[in-house]
Amino acid sequence: MTIADVLESRLSLSGKTAVVTGAASGIGLATAKLLGQLGAQTVFLDRDADGLSSAISECSNQTAPTLGFEIDLADAKAIEQCFARIVDQCGGIDILVNSAAMNVAGASVDYDLETWQRVIDVNLTALFLACRLSARSMIERNVGGSIINVASVGGLSAGITGRANANPSYRATKGGVVNLTRALAIEWAAQGIRVNAVAPGYVRTPMINRLTSDPAREAATIEKIPLGRLTEPDEIGWVIAFLAGEGASMVTGQIIPVDGGLMA
């Protein structure tokens, strides 16, 4: 067997259907494009209609089919309806990547409860619903599957970004994602469903524009990172792609920091 054959058997996602939330930009977009390049029929989910259309257009030259659905992940009923359409049109779900998230900073003593609830709804409740709806499809077809959640180093350490960066809802939800990932991995292991998470550090996406738009703040942030630079979205995507494929067939319940050594 050649190296190409080995890589094909371990990395190829041909014949799989992958669903990616937050797929119009950042980590979600980079991941969705990569999963399609590896052969998966990829379903892009996002609330940004224009960004979604642009993302789908970027993948127009890929061999594997690409679909897109506009959705507000704060709406539980809309999530159920959307996943039912995906199962109906695609025949089932094999891979789920929960990348969508909100990060609204603010001091805890003054934090708006409506904002708190929306962040909880998008970052944690929607992720849970997407996980269980995908798992139902996997279990019904008895095919196993892979679920990858995008957590954060902020869900592993409250102090990683320093005391000047107050964002209680984001840190709480990402901590929830970490332990929910472990819980679902144990619960669904007997059905052959692997559940893992990546925990990005500082990734060059719109979420950290407040840092990258200020050269001094960007330089101070990079100074904290042992590898000396920000992470690019596709560097997260490659770790997710590994977890999605057969090369990670014995990996479940793990939270993998992809942070340039920030958590070391």
Protein backbone atom coordinates (compact mmCIF):
# COMPACT_ATOMS: atom_id res chain seq x y z
CA MET A 1 0.00 0.00 0.00
CA THR A 2 1.41 3.39 -0.99
CA ILE A 3 1.53 6.48 1.21
CA ALA A 4 -1.21 7.95 -0.96
CA ASP A 5 -3.38 4.88 -0.29
CA VAL A 6 -2.80 5.15 3.46
CA LEU A 7 -3.68 8.85 3.48
CA GLU A 8 -6.76 8.18 1.38
CA SER A 9 -8.00 5.52 3.79
CA ARG A 10 -7.43 7.68 6.87
CA LEU A 11 -8.25 11.19 5.66
CA SER A 12 -10.85 10.73 2.93
CA LEU A 13 -14.40 11.71 3.87
CA SER A 14 -15.90 10.57 0.59
CA GLY A 15 -19.47 9.34 0.97
CA LYS A 16 -19.95 11.25 4.25
CA THR A 17 -22.28 14.15 4.96
CA ALA A 18 -20.82 16.86 7.17
CA VAL A 19 -22.77 19.69 8.80
CA VAL A 20 -20.87 22.80 9.93
CA THR A 21 -22.42 25.63 11.95
CA GLY A 22 -21.02 29.14 11.70
CA ALA A 23 -19.80 28.22 8.23
CA ALA A 24 -19.94 31.68 6.64
CA SER A 25 -16.67 32.90 8.14
CA GLY A 26 -13.69 32.14 10.33
CA ILE A 27 -13.06 28.64 11.64
CA GLY A 28 -16.41 27.36 10.36
CA LEU A 29 -15.73 28.47 6.79
CA ALA A 30 -12.17 27.12 6.76
CA THR A 31 -13.39 23.80 8.15
CA ALA A 32 -16.36 23.43 5.82
CA LYS A 33 -14.18 24.09 2.77
CA LEU A 34 -11.59 21.57 3.95
CA LEU A 35 -14.15 18.83 4.67
CA GLY A 36 -15.51 19.33 1.16
CA GLN A 37 -12.01 19.08 -0.31
CA LEU A 38 -11.61 15.77 1.54
CA GLY A 39 -14.74 14.47 -0.19
CA ALA A 40 -17.61 15.11 2.20
CA GLN A 41 -20.95 16.45 1.08
CA THR A 42 -20.91 19.59 3.20
CA VAL A 43 -23.83 21.52 4.64
CA PHE A 44 -23.06 25.13 5.58
CA LEU A 45 -25.21 26.67 8.35
CA ASP A 46 -25.10 30.35 9.31
CA ARG A 47 -27.41 33.29 10.02
CA ASP A 48 -25.45 35.57 7.64
CA ALA A 49 -27.25 35.07 4.32
CA ASP A 50 -24.73 37.05 2.25
CA GLY A 51 -21.76 35.38 3.90
CA LEU A 52 -23.37 32.00 3.40
CA SER A 53 -23.90 32.66 -0.31
CA SER A 54 -20.29 33.80 -0.68
CA ALA A 55 -19.01 30.73 1.17
CA ILE A 56 -20.98 28.37 -1.05
CA SER A 57 -19.66 30.15 -4.14
CA GLU A 58 -16.08 29.64 -2.94
CA CYS A 59 -16.70 25.89 -2.97
CA SER A 60 -18.39 25.76 -6.39
CA ASN A 61 -15.41 23.99 -7.99
CA GLN A 62 -15.33 21.14 -5.48
CA THR A 63 -16.39 17.66 -6.56
CA ALA A 64 -18.49 16.96 -3.46
CA PRO A 65 -21.93 18.62 -3.27
CA THR A 66 -22.37 21.69 -1.08
CA LEU A 67 -25.59 22.95 0.52
CA GLY A 68 -26.37 25.99 2.64
CA PHE A 69 -29.14 26.90 5.07
CA GLU A 70 -29.69 30.25 6.75
CA ILE A 71 -30.53 29.73 10.41
CA ASP A 72 -30.64 31.61 13.70
CA LEU A 73 -29.17 29.19 16.23
CA ALA A 74 -30.94 30.97 19.09
CA ASP A 75 -34.19 29.49 17.71
CA ALA A 76 -34.56 25.89 18.92
CA LYS A 77 -37.54 25.15 16.66
CA ALA A 78 -35.63 26.43 13.61
CA ILE A 79 -32.74 24.10 14.46
CA GLU A 80 -35.03 21.07 14.58
CA GLN A 81 -36.65 21.99 11.28
CA CYS A 82 -33.31 22.64 9.60
CA PHE A 83 -31.78 19.33 10.69
CA ALA A 84 -34.91 17.49 9.55
CA ARG A 85 -34.44 19.05 6.09
CA ILE A 86 -30.77 18.05 6.06
CA VAL A 87 -31.58 14.44 6.92
CA ASP A 88 -34.35 14.39 4.32
CA GLN A 89 -32.20 15.85 1.54
CA CYS A 90 -28.89 14.17 2.36
CA GLY A 91 -30.07 10.86 3.77
CA GLY A 92 -28.41 11.37 7.12
CA ILE A 93 -25.58 13.08 8.98
CA ASP A 94 -22.15 11.51 9.52
CA ILE A 95 -20.08 14.44 10.78
CA LEU A 96 -21.10 17.49 12.80
CA VAL A 97 -18.88 20.48 13.50
CA ASN A 98 -20.29 23.00 15.97
CA SER A 99 -18.31 26.15 15.21
CA ALA A 100 -20.86 28.94 15.62
CA ALA A 101 -20.46 31.11 18.71
CA MET A 102 -21.04 34.57 20.17
CA ASN A 103 -18.62 36.49 22.35
CA VAL A 104 -20.08 39.57 24.01
CA ALA A 105 -17.70 41.11 26.53
CA GLY A 106 -18.87 43.02 29.57
CA ALA A 107 -18.43 43.36 33.32
CA SER A 108 -20.33 40.69 35.24
CA VAL A 109 -21.86 43.15 37.72
CA ASP A 110 -23.59 45.00 34.88
CA TYR A 111 -24.03 42.24 32.31
CA ASP A 112 -27.36 42.40 30.49
CA LEU A 113 -29.44 39.27 31.16
CA GLU A 114 -30.97 39.27 27.69
CA THR A 115 -27.48 39.18 26.17
CA TRP A 116 -26.44 36.49 28.67
CA GLN A 117 -29.37 34.31 27.61
CA ARG A 118 -28.73 34.72 23.88
CA VAL A 119 -25.09 33.73 24.30
CA ILE A 120 -26.18 30.67 26.29
CA ASP A 121 -28.75 29.82 23.60
CA VAL A 122 -26.26 30.07 20.71
CA ASN A 123 -23.08 28.76 22.30
CA LEU A 124 -24.44 25.93 24.41
CA THR A 125 -28.12 25.08 23.88
CA ALA A 126 -27.90 25.16 20.08
CA LEU A 127 -24.74 23.07 20.21
CA PHE A 128 -26.51 20.48 22.37
CA LEU A 129 -29.50 20.36 20.03
CA ALA A 130 -27.28 19.96 16.96
CA CYS A 131 -25.39 17.16 18.72
CA ARG A 132 -28.47 15.18 19.65
CA LEU A 133 -30.22 15.66 16.30
CA SER A 134 -27.09 14.47 14.50
CA ALA A 135 -26.69 11.57 16.93
CA ARG A 136 -30.25 10.46 16.26
CA SER A 137 -29.46 10.24 12.56
CA MET A 138 -26.28 8.28 13.26
CA ILE A 139 -27.99 5.90 15.67
CA GLU A 140 -31.01 5.30 13.42
CA ARG A 141 -28.71 4.26 10.56
CA ASN A 142 -26.32 2.35 12.86
CA VAL A 143 -23.30 3.94 11.18
CA GLY A 144 -21.51 5.69 14.03
CA GLY A 145 -20.16 9.14 13.35
CA SER A 146 -18.00 11.99 14.54
CA ILE A 147 -18.99 15.18 16.35
CA ILE A 148 -16.45 17.95 16.85
CA ASN A 149 -17.27 20.93 19.03
CA VAL A 150 -15.31 24.17 18.94
CA ALA A 151 -14.62 25.08 22.55
CA SER A 152 -11.93 27.59 23.56
CA VAL A 153 -8.92 27.94 25.80
CA GLY A 154 -11.28 30.32 27.62
CA GLY A 155 -13.30 27.24 28.56
CA LEU A 156 -10.21 25.61 30.05
CA SER A 157 -8.82 28.58 31.94
CA ALA A 158 -10.71 31.66 33.10
CA GLY A 159 -7.48 33.62 33.47
CA ILE A 160 -5.92 32.88 30.09
CA THR A 161 -6.89 36.22 28.54
CA GLY A 162 -6.23 38.33 31.64
CA ARG A 163 -8.47 40.16 34.08
CA ALA A 164 -9.03 43.13 31.77
CA ASN A 165 -11.07 40.95 29.37
CA ALA A 166 -14.38 40.27 31.13
CA ASN A 167 -16.72 38.01 29.16
CA PRO A 168 -18.62 35.84 31.66
CA SER A 169 -21.16 34.35 29.26
CA TYR A 170 -18.54 33.24 26.71
CA ARG A 171 -16.30 31.61 29.29
CA ALA A 172 -19.24 29.92 31.00
CA THR A 173 -20.59 28.48 27.76
CA LYS A 174 -17.20 27.32 26.51
CA GLY A 175 -16.59 25.61 29.84
CA GLY A 176 -19.97 23.96 29.35
CA VAL A 177 -18.96 22.82 25.86
CA VAL A 178 -15.87 21.16 27.32
CA ASN A 179 -17.75 19.02 29.82
CA LEU A 180 -20.74 18.41 27.54
CA THR A 181 -18.31 17.02 24.97
CA ARG A 182 -16.95 14.56 27.52
CA ALA A 183 -20.43 13.58 28.73
CA LEU A 184 -21.76 12.89 25.23
CA ALA A 185 -18.62 10.96 24.30
CA ILE A 186 -19.27 8.56 27.17
CA GLU A 187 -23.02 8.35 26.54
CA TRP A 188 -22.75 7.60 22.81
CA ALA A 189 -19.57 5.52 22.71
CA ALA A 190 -21.54 2.26 22.51
CA GLN A 191 -23.20 3.53 19.32
CA GLY A 192 -19.83 4.24 17.70
CA ILE A 193 -20.24 8.02 17.88
CA ARG A 194 -17.05 9.85 18.74
CA VAL A 195 -17.39 13.28 20.35
CA ASN A 196 -14.36 15.55 20.69
CA ALA A 197 -13.59 19.25 20.90
CA VAL A 198 -10.87 21.61 19.81
CA ALA A 199 -9.97 24.52 22.06
CA PRO A 200 -8.57 27.35 19.92
CA GLY A 201 -6.48 30.14 21.34
CA TYR A 202 -6.21 33.43 19.48
CA VAL A 203 -7.37 32.79 15.91
CA ARG A 204 -7.30 35.42 13.17
CA THR A 205 -11.08 35.70 12.72
CA PRO A 206 -13.65 38.52 13.01
CA MET A 207 -14.16 37.55 16.67
CA ILE A 208 -10.81 39.09 17.65
CA ASN A 209 -11.00 42.18 15.42
CA ARG A 210 -10.78 44.28 18.56
CA LEU A 211 -7.23 42.96 18.96
CA THR A 212 -6.03 42.75 15.37
CA SER A 213 -7.30 46.24 14.53
CA ASP A 214 -4.88 47.69 17.08
CA PRO A 215 -1.20 46.92 16.30
CA ALA A 216 -0.14 47.44 19.91
CA ARG A 217 -2.80 45.07 21.27
CA GLU A 218 -2.04 42.48 18.60
CA ALA A 219 1.66 42.61 19.44
CA ALA A 220 0.91 42.23 23.16
CA THR A 221 -1.32 39.23 22.43
CA ILE A 222 1.29 37.55 20.24
CA GLU A 223 3.85 38.03 23.00
CA LYS A 224 1.81 35.60 25.16
CA ILE A 225 1.90 32.82 22.53
CA PRO A 226 4.99 30.55 22.63
CA LEU A 227 4.93 29.97 18.86
CA GLY A 228 4.91 33.72 18.37
CA ARG A 229 1.94 34.26 16.08
CA LEU A 230 -1.84 34.06 15.84
CA THR A 231 -3.47 30.84 14.66
CA GLU A 232 -4.97 30.81 11.16
CA PRO A 233 -8.51 29.36 10.77
CA ASP A 234 -7.40 26.50 8.51
CA GLU A 235 -4.95 25.34 11.22
CA ILE A 236 -7.99 24.67 13.40
CA GLY A 237 -9.74 23.11 10.40
CA TRP A 238 -7.02 20.52 9.87
CA VAL A 239 -7.29 19.29 13.47
CA ILE A 240 -11.07 19.08 13.09
CA ALA A 241 -10.65 17.16 9.81
CA PHE A 242 -8.36 14.68 11.56
CA LEU A 243 -10.94 14.14 14.31
CA ALA A 244 -13.65 13.66 11.68
CA GLY A 245 -11.81 10.89 9.84
CA GLU A 246 -10.73 7.32 10.42
CA GLY A 247 -7.27 8.40 11.53
CA ALA A 248 -8.88 9.38 14.84
CA SER A 249 -10.96 6.22 15.15
CA MET A 250 -9.89 5.64 18.77
CA VAL A 251 -10.13 9.27 19.88
CA THR A 252 -13.19 10.37 21.83
CA GLY A 253 -13.97 12.58 24.80
CA GLN A 254 -10.86 14.69 24.20
CA ILE A 255 -10.39 18.45 24.29
CA ILE A 256 -7.46 19.41 22.07
CA PRO A 257 -5.98 22.89 22.50
CA VAL A 258 -4.84 24.41 19.20
CA ASP A 259 -3.26 27.52 20.62
CA GLY A 260 0.44 27.77 19.74
CA GLY A 261 1.40 26.64 23.24
CA LEU A 262 -0.70 29.19 25.11
CA MET A 263 -1.98 26.57 27.57
CA ALA A 264 1.39 24.88 27.98
